[in-house]
Amino acid sequence: MRLLALLLPALVLAANPAPAAKAGFVLRSPVMTEGGAIPREFTGDGDGVSPPLEWSGAPAGTKSFALVMHHIPHPGEAARWYWTVWGIPADTKSLAKGAKGVGTSGTNCVSRALGYAPPHSKGPGVKRYTLTLYALSSSPDLKVPPSQVTRDVLLAAIKDRTLASAELSFTYDRTDLAGKEEGGKRPAPSRSGR
């Protein structure tokens, strides 16, 4: 009985393996580093365009990619999602700043519109966001239109098709803007390209 108790966690893990983060599969951005701050240009306090991304080392057999950006406000809370894209062609190695027309965009939790929603967290303090790129063995089997594809819907559709995943996490801190927003006044969007 004790041996079974010791082996049970390993048996459960073997039955439900997480998508492997393949050692050579890497997601990066020319405008930010892993764990670093995202430039304001790509947030709701700036131009609000999606950041440029690059990747390499996708596993053999990759037929397409899917991309998700999310944030978990507090431990135990549901993830908020800001970007869902799938059907990115297998020969794609990057997305340009403000990319459009590559793959199919799903919703975001901010406006429920299709496409990228820039970080614009309420309140001061450092917030952490994660971009995850999934290498897929086949296209997701989505039974709903893009206007109904949330992060959870997309993740469920790619669960058994994910060969590997690569992540890039970044932060955004609105502390320096907190005083400027009192009285409902929001700072004007930056157009300087910072």
N, C-alpha and C. Protein backbone atom coordinates (compact mmCIF):
# COMPACT_ATOMS: atom_id res chain seq x y z
N MET A 1 0.83 -1.20 0.00
CA MET A 1 0.00 0.00 0.00
C MET A 1 0.87 1.26 0.00
N ARG A 2 1.94 1.22 0.81
CA ARG A 2 2.83 2.38 0.86
C ARG A 2 3.52 2.60 -0.49
N LEU A 3 3.88 1.51 -1.17
CA LEU A 3 4.53 1.62 -2.48
C LEU A 3 3.57 2.27 -3.48
N LEU A 4 2.29 1.90 -3.41
CA LEU A 4 1.30 2.49 -4.29
C LEU A 4 1.18 4.00 -4.04
N ALA A 5 1.21 4.40 -2.77
CA ALA A 5 1.12 5.82 -2.43
C ALA A 5 2.32 6.58 -2.98
N LEU A 6 3.47 5.95 -2.99
CA LEU A 6 4.67 6.60 -3.52
C LEU A 6 4.63 6.70 -5.04
N LEU A 7 4.05 5.68 -5.70
CA LEU A 7 4.02 5.65 -7.15
C LEU A 7 2.86 6.43 -7.76
N LEU A 8 1.81 6.67 -6.99
CA LEU A 8 0.61 7.30 -7.52
C LEU A 8 0.87 8.64 -8.20
N PRO A 9 1.64 9.56 -7.58
CA PRO A 9 1.88 10.84 -8.29
C PRO A 9 2.55 10.65 -9.65
N ALA A 10 3.48 9.70 -9.75
CA ALA A 10 4.17 9.46 -11.02
C ALA A 10 3.21 8.87 -12.04
N LEU A 11 2.29 8.00 -11.59
CA LEU A 11 1.30 7.40 -12.49
C LEU A 11 0.33 8.46 -13.01
N VAL A 12 -0.09 9.37 -12.14
CA VAL A 12 -1.01 10.43 -12.55
C VAL A 12 -0.32 11.33 -13.57
N LEU A 13 0.94 11.69 -13.31
CA LEU A 13 1.68 12.55 -14.23
C LEU A 13 1.85 11.87 -15.58
N ALA A 14 2.13 10.58 -15.59
CA ALA A 14 2.31 9.85 -16.85
C ALA A 14 1.02 9.81 -17.65
N ALA A 15 -0.11 9.74 -16.95
CA ALA A 15 -1.40 9.68 -17.63
C ALA A 15 -1.84 11.04 -18.17
N ASN A 16 -1.36 12.11 -17.53
CA ASN A 16 -1.75 13.46 -17.93
C ASN A 16 -0.52 14.35 -18.10
N PRO A 17 0.33 14.05 -19.06
CA PRO A 17 1.54 14.86 -19.20
C PRO A 17 1.24 16.27 -19.67
N ALA A 18 1.99 17.22 -19.13
CA ALA A 18 1.86 18.61 -19.60
C ALA A 18 2.62 18.74 -20.90
N PRO A 19 2.23 19.68 -21.77
CA PRO A 19 2.99 19.89 -22.99
C PRO A 19 4.44 20.20 -22.66
N ALA A 20 5.33 19.49 -23.29
CA ALA A 20 6.74 19.65 -22.98
C ALA A 20 7.26 20.97 -23.50
N ALA A 21 8.07 21.61 -22.68
CA ALA A 21 8.77 22.80 -23.13
C ALA A 21 10.07 22.30 -23.75
N LYS A 22 10.07 22.14 -25.06
CA LYS A 22 11.23 21.61 -25.76
C LYS A 22 12.41 22.54 -25.56
N ALA A 23 13.55 21.97 -25.21
CA ALA A 23 14.73 22.75 -24.85
C ALA A 23 15.11 23.76 -25.92
N GLY A 24 15.01 23.40 -27.20
CA GLY A 24 15.42 24.32 -28.26
C GLY A 24 14.33 25.24 -28.76
N PHE A 25 13.10 25.08 -28.29
CA PHE A 25 11.97 25.89 -28.73
C PHE A 25 11.92 27.16 -27.88
N VAL A 26 12.20 28.29 -28.48
CA VAL A 26 12.36 29.53 -27.73
C VAL A 26 11.50 30.65 -28.33
N LEU A 27 10.83 31.38 -27.45
CA LEU A 27 10.04 32.56 -27.84
C LEU A 27 10.72 33.78 -27.25
N ARG A 28 10.94 34.80 -28.07
CA ARG A 28 11.59 36.02 -27.59
C ARG A 28 11.01 37.22 -28.32
N SER A 29 11.43 38.41 -27.85
CA SER A 29 10.99 39.65 -28.47
C SER A 29 12.17 40.61 -28.55
N PRO A 30 12.30 41.34 -29.64
CA PRO A 30 13.38 42.31 -29.74
C PRO A 30 13.17 43.55 -28.86
N VAL A 31 11.98 43.69 -28.25
CA VAL A 31 11.71 44.89 -27.46
C VAL A 31 11.68 44.65 -25.95
N MET A 32 11.82 43.38 -25.52
CA MET A 32 11.82 43.09 -24.09
C MET A 32 12.51 41.76 -23.83
N THR A 33 12.98 41.60 -22.60
CA THR A 33 13.65 40.37 -22.19
C THR A 33 12.75 39.55 -21.28
N GLU A 34 13.08 38.31 -21.10
CA GLU A 34 12.35 37.43 -20.18
C GLU A 34 12.32 38.07 -18.80
N GLY A 35 11.11 38.27 -18.27
CA GLY A 35 10.94 38.84 -16.95
C GLY A 35 11.09 40.35 -16.90
N GLY A 36 11.43 40.97 -18.03
CA GLY A 36 11.62 42.42 -18.06
C GLY A 36 10.31 43.15 -18.33
N ALA A 37 10.41 44.46 -18.33
CA ALA A 37 9.23 45.30 -18.53
C ALA A 37 8.90 45.44 -20.01
N ILE A 38 7.61 45.46 -20.31
CA ILE A 38 7.17 45.70 -21.68
C ILE A 38 7.21 47.22 -21.91
N PRO A 39 7.70 47.67 -23.04
CA PRO A 39 7.67 49.10 -23.32
C PRO A 39 6.24 49.63 -23.36
N ARG A 40 6.04 50.85 -22.88
CA ARG A 40 4.70 51.42 -22.77
C ARG A 40 3.97 51.46 -24.11
N GLU A 41 4.70 51.54 -25.20
CA GLU A 41 4.09 51.57 -26.54
C GLU A 41 3.10 50.42 -26.76
N PHE A 42 3.36 49.27 -26.12
CA PHE A 42 2.56 48.07 -26.36
C PHE A 42 1.48 47.87 -25.30
N THR A 43 1.24 48.91 -24.48
CA THR A 43 0.25 48.83 -23.41
C THR A 43 -0.92 49.76 -23.70
N GLY A 44 -1.92 49.72 -22.82
CA GLY A 44 -3.06 50.61 -22.94
C GLY A 44 -2.72 52.05 -22.63
N ASP A 45 -1.54 52.30 -22.09
CA ASP A 45 -1.10 53.66 -21.82
C ASP A 45 -0.26 54.21 -22.96
N GLY A 46 -0.05 53.40 -23.98
CA GLY A 46 0.71 53.81 -25.16
C GLY A 46 -0.12 53.61 -26.40
N ASP A 47 0.52 53.16 -27.46
CA ASP A 47 -0.18 52.94 -28.73
C ASP A 47 -1.10 51.72 -28.70
N GLY A 48 -0.81 50.80 -27.77
CA GLY A 48 -1.67 49.63 -27.63
C GLY A 48 -1.55 48.61 -28.74
N VAL A 49 -0.41 48.61 -29.45
CA VAL A 49 -0.19 47.62 -30.51
C VAL A 49 0.50 46.39 -29.94
N SER A 50 0.34 45.27 -30.60
CA SER A 50 0.97 44.04 -30.12
C SER A 50 2.49 44.11 -30.33
N PRO A 51 3.25 43.49 -29.42
CA PRO A 51 4.70 43.54 -29.53
C PRO A 51 5.22 42.60 -30.62
N PRO A 52 6.39 42.91 -31.17
CA PRO A 52 6.99 41.99 -32.14
C PRO A 52 7.51 40.75 -31.40
N LEU A 53 7.37 39.61 -32.03
CA LEU A 53 7.82 38.34 -31.44
C LEU A 53 8.63 37.56 -32.46
N GLU A 54 9.55 36.74 -31.96
CA GLU A 54 10.36 35.86 -32.80
C GLU A 54 10.46 34.51 -32.11
N TRP A 55 10.58 33.44 -32.87
CA TRP A 55 10.78 32.13 -32.26
C TRP A 55 11.62 31.24 -33.16
N SER A 56 12.17 30.21 -32.53
CA SER A 56 13.01 29.24 -33.25
C SER A 56 12.96 27.91 -32.51
N GLY A 57 13.41 26.88 -33.20
CA GLY A 57 13.51 25.55 -32.58
C GLY A 57 12.22 24.79 -32.44
N ALA A 58 11.23 25.07 -33.27
CA ALA A 58 9.97 24.32 -33.20
C ALA A 58 10.24 22.86 -33.52
N PRO A 59 9.55 21.94 -32.86
CA PRO A 59 9.80 20.52 -33.08
C PRO A 59 9.38 20.05 -34.47
N ALA A 60 10.00 18.97 -34.92
CA ALA A 60 9.61 18.35 -36.18
C ALA A 60 8.14 17.95 -36.10
N GLY A 61 7.46 18.08 -37.20
CA GLY A 61 6.04 17.72 -37.24
C GLY A 61 5.11 18.87 -36.93
N THR A 62 5.66 20.06 -36.66
CA THR A 62 4.81 21.22 -36.38
C THR A 62 4.06 21.62 -37.65
N LYS A 63 2.74 21.67 -37.57
CA LYS A 63 1.90 22.04 -38.71
C LYS A 63 1.40 23.47 -38.62
N SER A 64 1.33 24.01 -37.41
CA SER A 64 0.92 25.40 -37.21
C SER A 64 1.24 25.79 -35.78
N PHE A 65 1.03 27.09 -35.48
CA PHE A 65 1.26 27.59 -34.13
C PHE A 65 0.00 28.27 -33.61
N ALA A 66 -0.11 28.30 -32.29
CA ALA A 66 -1.15 29.07 -31.61
C ALA A 66 -0.45 29.93 -30.56
N LEU A 67 -1.02 31.08 -30.27
CA LEU A 67 -0.42 32.01 -29.33
C LEU A 67 -1.47 32.52 -28.36
N VAL A 68 -1.09 32.59 -27.08
CA VAL A 68 -1.99 33.10 -26.04
C VAL A 68 -1.19 34.04 -25.14
N MET A 69 -1.81 35.13 -24.76
CA MET A 69 -1.22 36.02 -23.75
C MET A 69 -2.20 36.12 -22.60
N HIS A 70 -1.70 35.86 -21.38
CA HIS A 70 -2.59 35.91 -20.22
C HIS A 70 -1.91 36.54 -19.01
N HIS A 71 -2.71 36.78 -18.00
CA HIS A 71 -2.27 37.37 -16.73
C HIS A 71 -3.14 36.77 -15.65
N ILE A 72 -2.53 36.37 -14.53
CA ILE A 72 -3.30 35.87 -13.39
C ILE A 72 -3.24 36.95 -12.32
N PRO A 73 -4.37 37.63 -12.06
CA PRO A 73 -4.37 38.76 -11.13
C PRO A 73 -3.86 38.41 -9.73
N HIS A 74 -4.37 37.32 -9.18
CA HIS A 74 -3.98 36.89 -7.84
C HIS A 74 -4.00 35.36 -7.82
N PRO A 75 -3.16 34.73 -6.99
CA PRO A 75 -3.17 33.26 -6.91
C PRO A 75 -4.58 32.73 -6.66
N GLY A 76 -4.94 31.72 -7.42
CA GLY A 76 -6.25 31.11 -7.28
C GLY A 76 -7.34 31.75 -8.13
N GLU A 77 -7.05 32.92 -8.71
CA GLU A 77 -8.04 33.57 -9.57
C GLU A 77 -7.91 33.06 -11.00
N ALA A 78 -8.99 33.18 -11.73
CA ALA A 78 -8.98 32.77 -13.14
C ALA A 78 -8.07 33.69 -13.94
N ALA A 79 -7.47 33.13 -14.96
CA ALA A 79 -6.58 33.90 -15.83
C ALA A 79 -7.40 34.88 -16.66
N ARG A 80 -6.84 36.05 -16.85
CA ARG A 80 -7.39 37.03 -17.78
C ARG A 80 -6.57 36.90 -19.06
N TRP A 81 -7.24 36.93 -20.20
CA TRP A 81 -6.51 36.72 -21.45
C TRP A 81 -6.60 37.96 -22.33
N TYR A 82 -5.50 38.21 -23.04
CA TYR A 82 -5.36 39.45 -23.80
C TYR A 82 -5.13 39.21 -25.30
N TRP A 83 -4.86 37.98 -25.65
CA TRP A 83 -4.55 37.70 -27.05
C TRP A 83 -4.71 36.21 -27.28
N THR A 84 -5.46 35.82 -28.29
CA THR A 84 -5.59 34.42 -28.70
C THR A 84 -5.50 34.38 -30.21
N VAL A 85 -4.55 33.61 -30.71
CA VAL A 85 -4.36 33.47 -32.16
C VAL A 85 -4.04 32.01 -32.46
N TRP A 86 -4.59 31.49 -33.54
CA TRP A 86 -4.25 30.14 -33.96
C TRP A 86 -4.17 30.12 -35.49
N GLY A 87 -3.72 29.01 -36.04
CA GLY A 87 -3.59 28.92 -37.49
C GLY A 87 -2.41 29.72 -38.02
N ILE A 88 -1.43 30.00 -37.16
CA ILE A 88 -0.22 30.67 -37.63
C ILE A 88 0.57 29.63 -38.41
N PRO A 89 0.88 29.87 -39.68
CA PRO A 89 1.54 28.85 -40.51
C PRO A 89 2.85 28.34 -39.92
N ALA A 90 3.14 27.08 -40.17
CA ALA A 90 4.32 26.41 -39.61
C ALA A 90 5.63 27.04 -40.05
N ASP A 91 5.65 27.69 -41.21
CA ASP A 91 6.90 28.30 -41.67
C ASP A 91 7.09 29.73 -41.15
N THR A 92 6.17 30.20 -40.31
CA THR A 92 6.28 31.53 -39.72
C THR A 92 7.28 31.48 -38.57
N LYS A 93 8.17 32.46 -38.50
CA LYS A 93 9.19 32.52 -37.45
C LYS A 93 9.08 33.78 -36.62
N SER A 94 8.13 34.67 -36.98
CA SER A 94 8.01 35.91 -36.22
C SER A 94 6.67 36.57 -36.50
N LEU A 95 6.31 37.49 -35.61
CA LEU A 95 5.16 38.37 -35.82
C LEU A 95 5.68 39.79 -35.67
N ALA A 96 5.36 40.65 -36.62
CA ALA A 96 5.80 42.04 -36.58
C ALA A 96 5.00 42.82 -35.53
N LYS A 97 5.51 43.95 -35.15
CA LYS A 97 4.79 44.87 -34.26
C LYS A 97 3.43 45.17 -34.88
N GLY A 98 2.38 45.04 -34.07
CA GLY A 98 1.03 45.31 -34.55
C GLY A 98 0.55 44.35 -35.61
N ALA A 99 1.06 43.11 -35.58
CA ALA A 99 0.76 42.12 -36.61
C ALA A 99 -0.75 41.91 -36.78
N LYS A 100 -1.14 41.85 -38.05
CA LYS A 100 -2.53 41.55 -38.40
C LYS A 100 -2.52 40.62 -39.60
N GLY A 101 -3.55 39.81 -39.71
CA GLY A 101 -3.70 38.95 -40.88
C GLY A 101 -2.83 37.71 -40.87
N VAL A 102 -2.23 37.39 -39.72
CA VAL A 102 -1.45 36.15 -39.61
C VAL A 102 -2.23 35.23 -38.67
N GLY A 103 -2.72 34.13 -39.19
CA GLY A 103 -3.54 33.25 -38.38
C GLY A 103 -4.94 33.83 -38.18
N THR A 104 -5.66 33.24 -37.23
CA THR A 104 -7.02 33.66 -36.91
C THR A 104 -7.05 34.14 -35.47
N SER A 105 -7.58 35.32 -35.24
CA SER A 105 -7.65 35.88 -33.89
C SER A 105 -8.95 35.52 -33.21
N GLY A 106 -8.83 35.18 -31.93
CA GLY A 106 -9.98 34.97 -31.07
C GLY A 106 -10.19 36.21 -30.22
N THR A 107 -10.96 36.06 -29.16
CA THR A 107 -11.32 37.18 -28.31
C THR A 107 -10.24 37.51 -27.29
N ASN A 108 -10.45 38.64 -26.61
CA ASN A 108 -9.70 38.99 -25.41
C ASN A 108 -10.72 39.28 -24.32
N CYS A 109 -10.31 39.27 -23.06
CA CYS A 109 -11.28 39.44 -21.98
C CYS A 109 -11.56 40.90 -21.67
N VAL A 110 -10.85 41.80 -22.29
CA VAL A 110 -11.03 43.22 -22.01
C VAL A 110 -12.25 43.76 -22.76
N SER A 111 -12.27 43.57 -24.06
CA SER A 111 -13.37 44.11 -24.86
C SER A 111 -14.21 43.02 -25.53
N ARG A 112 -13.74 41.79 -25.42
CA ARG A 112 -14.37 40.64 -26.10
C ARG A 112 -14.29 40.79 -27.61
N ALA A 113 -13.55 41.78 -28.09
CA ALA A 113 -13.34 41.94 -29.53
C ALA A 113 -12.26 40.96 -29.97
N LEU A 114 -12.10 40.81 -31.27
CA LEU A 114 -11.07 39.93 -31.80
C LEU A 114 -9.74 40.67 -31.80
N GLY A 115 -8.68 39.97 -31.44
CA GLY A 115 -7.35 40.57 -31.50
C GLY A 115 -6.76 40.91 -30.16
N TYR A 116 -5.64 41.60 -30.23
CA TYR A 116 -4.81 41.96 -29.08
C TYR A 116 -5.45 43.05 -28.22
N ALA A 117 -5.46 42.83 -26.91
CA ALA A 117 -5.85 43.86 -25.95
C ALA A 117 -4.61 44.18 -25.13
N PRO A 118 -4.16 45.42 -25.15
CA PRO A 118 -2.93 45.76 -24.45
C PRO A 118 -3.10 45.72 -22.94
N PRO A 119 -2.03 45.40 -22.20
CA PRO A 119 -2.10 45.44 -20.74
C PRO A 119 -2.48 46.84 -20.27
N HIS A 120 -3.39 46.88 -19.32
CA HIS A 120 -3.83 48.16 -18.76
C HIS A 120 -4.45 47.85 -17.41
N SER A 121 -3.67 47.17 -16.57
CA SER A 121 -4.18 46.69 -15.29
C SER A 121 -4.64 47.82 -14.39
N LYS A 122 -5.66 47.54 -13.61
CA LYS A 122 -6.15 48.52 -12.66
C LYS A 122 -5.20 48.60 -11.47
N GLY A 123 -4.98 49.80 -11.00
CA GLY A 123 -4.18 50.00 -9.80
C GLY A 123 -2.69 49.93 -10.05
N PRO A 124 -1.93 50.48 -9.10
CA PRO A 124 -0.47 50.50 -9.23
C PRO A 124 0.14 49.15 -8.90
N GLY A 125 1.42 49.02 -9.17
CA GLY A 125 2.14 47.80 -8.84
C GLY A 125 2.50 47.00 -10.06
N VAL A 126 3.51 46.16 -9.89
CA VAL A 126 4.01 45.34 -10.99
C VAL A 126 3.05 44.20 -11.26
N LYS A 127 2.67 44.03 -12.51
CA LYS A 127 1.81 42.93 -12.94
C LYS A 127 2.62 42.07 -13.91
N ARG A 128 2.42 40.77 -13.85
CA ARG A 128 3.16 39.84 -14.70
C ARG A 128 2.23 39.24 -15.75
N TYR A 129 2.70 39.22 -16.98
CA TYR A 129 1.95 38.68 -18.12
C TYR A 129 2.80 37.59 -18.78
N THR A 130 2.14 36.65 -19.42
CA THR A 130 2.86 35.56 -20.08
C THR A 130 2.32 35.36 -21.49
N LEU A 131 3.25 35.32 -22.43
CA LEU A 131 2.96 34.94 -23.81
C LEU A 131 3.37 33.49 -23.97
N THR A 132 2.49 32.65 -24.48
CA THR A 132 2.83 31.25 -24.70
C THR A 132 2.56 30.90 -26.16
N LEU A 133 3.58 30.36 -26.80
CA LEU A 133 3.47 29.91 -28.19
C LEU A 133 3.41 28.39 -28.18
N TYR A 134 2.44 27.83 -28.87
CA TYR A 134 2.24 26.38 -28.93
C TYR A 134 2.55 25.88 -30.33
N ALA A 135 3.39 24.87 -30.43
CA ALA A 135 3.66 24.20 -31.70
C ALA A 135 2.66 23.05 -31.80
N LEU A 136 1.87 23.03 -32.86
CA LEU A 136 0.76 22.07 -32.98
C LEU A 136 1.00 21.04 -34.07
N SER A 137 0.56 19.82 -33.81
CA SER A 137 0.69 18.74 -34.78
C SER A 137 -0.41 18.76 -35.82
N SER A 138 -1.50 19.47 -35.53
CA SER A 138 -2.61 19.65 -36.48
C SER A 138 -3.42 20.86 -36.04
N SER A 139 -4.29 21.31 -36.91
CA SER A 139 -5.10 22.49 -36.60
C SER A 139 -6.09 22.20 -35.48
N PRO A 140 -6.37 23.21 -34.66
CA PRO A 140 -7.36 23.00 -33.59
C PRO A 140 -8.73 22.71 -34.17
N ASP A 141 -9.47 21.87 -33.49
CA ASP A 141 -10.83 21.53 -33.91
C ASP A 141 -11.80 22.41 -33.13
N LEU A 142 -11.99 23.62 -33.63
CA LEU A 142 -12.86 24.58 -32.96
C LEU A 142 -14.27 24.48 -33.52
N LYS A 143 -15.23 24.34 -32.63
CA LYS A 143 -16.63 24.15 -33.04
C LYS A 143 -17.42 25.45 -32.94
N VAL A 144 -16.73 26.55 -32.62
CA VAL A 144 -17.41 27.84 -32.48
C VAL A 144 -16.70 28.88 -33.35
N PRO A 145 -17.36 29.99 -33.68
CA PRO A 145 -16.71 31.03 -34.48
C PRO A 145 -15.65 31.76 -33.64
N PRO A 146 -14.72 32.48 -34.29
CA PRO A 146 -13.68 33.20 -33.57
C PRO A 146 -14.22 34.12 -32.47
N SER A 147 -15.40 34.70 -32.67
CA SER A 147 -15.98 35.62 -31.68
C SER A 147 -16.34 34.92 -30.37
N GLN A 148 -16.26 33.59 -30.36
CA GLN A 148 -16.55 32.83 -29.14
C GLN A 148 -15.32 32.08 -28.63
N VAL A 149 -14.16 32.32 -29.25
CA VAL A 149 -12.95 31.62 -28.82
C VAL A 149 -12.24 32.43 -27.74
N THR A 150 -12.34 31.92 -26.52
CA THR A 150 -11.64 32.48 -25.38
C THR A 150 -10.34 31.71 -25.18
N ARG A 151 -9.55 32.12 -24.22
CA ARG A 151 -8.33 31.38 -23.91
C ARG A 151 -8.65 29.93 -23.58
N ASP A 152 -9.65 29.70 -22.72
CA ASP A 152 -9.99 28.34 -22.30
C ASP A 152 -10.46 27.49 -23.48
N VAL A 153 -11.25 28.08 -24.36
CA VAL A 153 -11.74 27.34 -25.53
C VAL A 153 -10.57 26.93 -26.41
N LEU A 154 -9.64 27.86 -26.66
CA LEU A 154 -8.49 27.55 -27.50
C LEU A 154 -7.59 26.50 -26.85
N LEU A 155 -7.32 26.63 -25.56
CA LEU A 155 -6.46 25.65 -24.89
C LEU A 155 -7.08 24.26 -24.91
N ALA A 156 -8.39 24.17 -24.76
CA ALA A 156 -9.06 22.87 -24.83
C ALA A 156 -8.94 22.28 -26.23
N ALA A 157 -9.01 23.13 -27.25
CA ALA A 157 -8.96 22.66 -28.64
C ALA A 157 -7.57 22.20 -29.06
N ILE A 158 -6.52 22.69 -28.39
CA ILE A 158 -5.15 22.31 -28.78
C ILE A 158 -4.51 21.33 -27.80
N LYS A 159 -5.22 20.98 -26.77
CA LYS A 159 -4.65 20.14 -25.71
C LYS A 159 -3.98 18.88 -26.24
N ASP A 160 -4.62 18.16 -27.11
CA ASP A 160 -4.08 16.89 -27.61
C ASP A 160 -3.28 17.06 -28.90
N ARG A 161 -3.03 18.31 -29.30
CA ARG A 161 -2.30 18.57 -30.55
C ARG A 161 -1.00 19.33 -30.29
N THR A 162 -0.71 19.61 -29.03
CA THR A 162 0.46 20.42 -28.69
C THR A 162 1.72 19.55 -28.60
N LEU A 163 2.68 19.83 -29.48
CA LEU A 163 3.96 19.13 -29.46
C LEU A 163 4.91 19.73 -28.44
N ALA A 164 4.88 21.04 -28.32
CA ALA A 164 5.76 21.76 -27.39
C ALA A 164 5.23 23.17 -27.21
N SER A 165 5.70 23.83 -26.17
CA SER A 165 5.32 25.22 -25.94
C SER A 165 6.56 26.01 -25.51
N ALA A 166 6.51 27.30 -25.77
CA ALA A 166 7.59 28.20 -25.37
C ALA A 166 6.94 29.44 -24.77
N GLU A 167 7.53 29.97 -23.70
CA GLU A 167 6.95 31.10 -23.01
C GLU A 167 7.89 32.30 -22.96
N LEU A 168 7.29 33.46 -22.87
CA LEU A 168 8.00 34.71 -22.63
C LEU A 168 7.14 35.49 -21.64
N SER A 169 7.68 35.72 -20.45
CA SER A 169 6.95 36.48 -19.43
C SER A 169 7.53 37.87 -19.34
N PHE A 170 6.66 38.85 -19.03
CA PHE A 170 7.10 40.22 -18.90
C PHE A 170 6.24 40.92 -17.85
N THR A 171 6.65 42.11 -17.48
CA THR A 171 5.93 42.85 -16.46
C THR A 171 5.48 44.21 -16.99
N TYR A 172 4.50 44.77 -16.29
CA TYR A 172 4.10 46.15 -16.55
C TYR A 172 3.74 46.77 -15.21
N ASP A 173 4.24 47.98 -14.97
CA ASP A 173 4.03 48.68 -13.70
C ASP A 173 3.43 50.04 -13.99
N ARG A 174 2.22 50.25 -13.51
CA ARG A 174 1.53 51.53 -13.74
C ARG A 174 1.64 52.45 -12.53
N THR A 175 2.52 52.14 -11.58
CA THR A 175 2.64 52.94 -10.37
C THR A 175 2.87 54.41 -10.68
N ASP A 176 3.75 54.69 -11.63
CA ASP A 176 4.05 56.08 -11.96
C ASP A 176 2.88 56.82 -12.61
N LEU A 177 1.85 56.08 -13.00
CA LEU A 177 0.68 56.70 -13.62
C LEU A 177 -0.48 56.87 -12.65
N ALA A 178 -0.38 56.24 -11.46
CA ALA A 178 -1.51 56.21 -10.53
C ALA A 178 -2.02 57.60 -10.20
N GLY A 179 -1.13 58.54 -9.86
CA GLY A 179 -1.56 59.88 -9.50
C GLY A 179 -2.16 60.64 -10.67
N LYS A 180 -1.72 60.32 -11.86
CA LYS A 180 -2.21 61.02 -13.05
C LYS A 180 -3.62 60.60 -13.43
N GLU A 181 -4.08 59.46 -12.87
CA GLU A 181 -5.40 58.96 -13.25
C GLU A 181 -6.49 59.35 -12.26
N GLU A 182 -6.13 60.07 -11.19
CA GLU A 182 -7.15 60.47 -10.23
C GLU A 182 -8.20 61.33 -10.93
N GLY A 183 -9.42 61.19 -10.49
CA GLY A 183 -10.49 61.96 -11.11
C GLY A 183 -10.89 61.45 -12.48
N GLY A 184 -10.48 60.23 -12.80
CA GLY A 184 -10.86 59.63 -14.06
C GLY A 184 -10.06 60.11 -15.24
N LYS A 185 -9.00 60.89 -15.00
CA LYS A 185 -8.19 61.38 -16.10
C LYS A 185 -7.12 60.35 -16.45
N ARG A 186 -7.17 59.88 -17.64
CA ARG A 186 -6.21 58.90 -18.12
C ARG A 186 -5.14 59.61 -18.93
N PRO A 187 -3.86 59.22 -18.74
CA PRO A 187 -2.82 59.87 -19.53
C PRO A 187 -3.06 59.66 -21.03
N ALA A 188 -2.69 60.68 -21.80
CA ALA A 188 -2.83 60.57 -23.26
C ALA A 188 -1.93 59.49 -23.78
N PRO A 189 -2.39 58.70 -24.76
CA PRO A 189 -1.54 57.64 -25.32
C PRO A 189 -0.26 58.22 -25.90
N SER A 190 0.81 57.49 -25.68
CA SER A 190 2.11 57.91 -26.22
C SER A 190 2.19 57.55 -27.69
N ARG A 191 2.65 58.45 -28.52
CA ARG A 191 2.84 58.19 -29.93
C ARG A 191 4.31 58.30 -30.30
N SER A 192 5.17 58.28 -29.26
CA SER A 192 6.59 58.51 -29.50
C SER A 192 7.34 57.27 -29.93
N GLY A 193 6.70 56.11 -29.89
CA GLY A 193 7.37 54.87 -30.30
C GLY A 193 8.31 54.32 -29.27
N ARG A 194 8.12 54.73 -27.96
CA ARG A 194 8.99 54.21 -26.90
C ARG A 194 8.76 52.76 -26.63
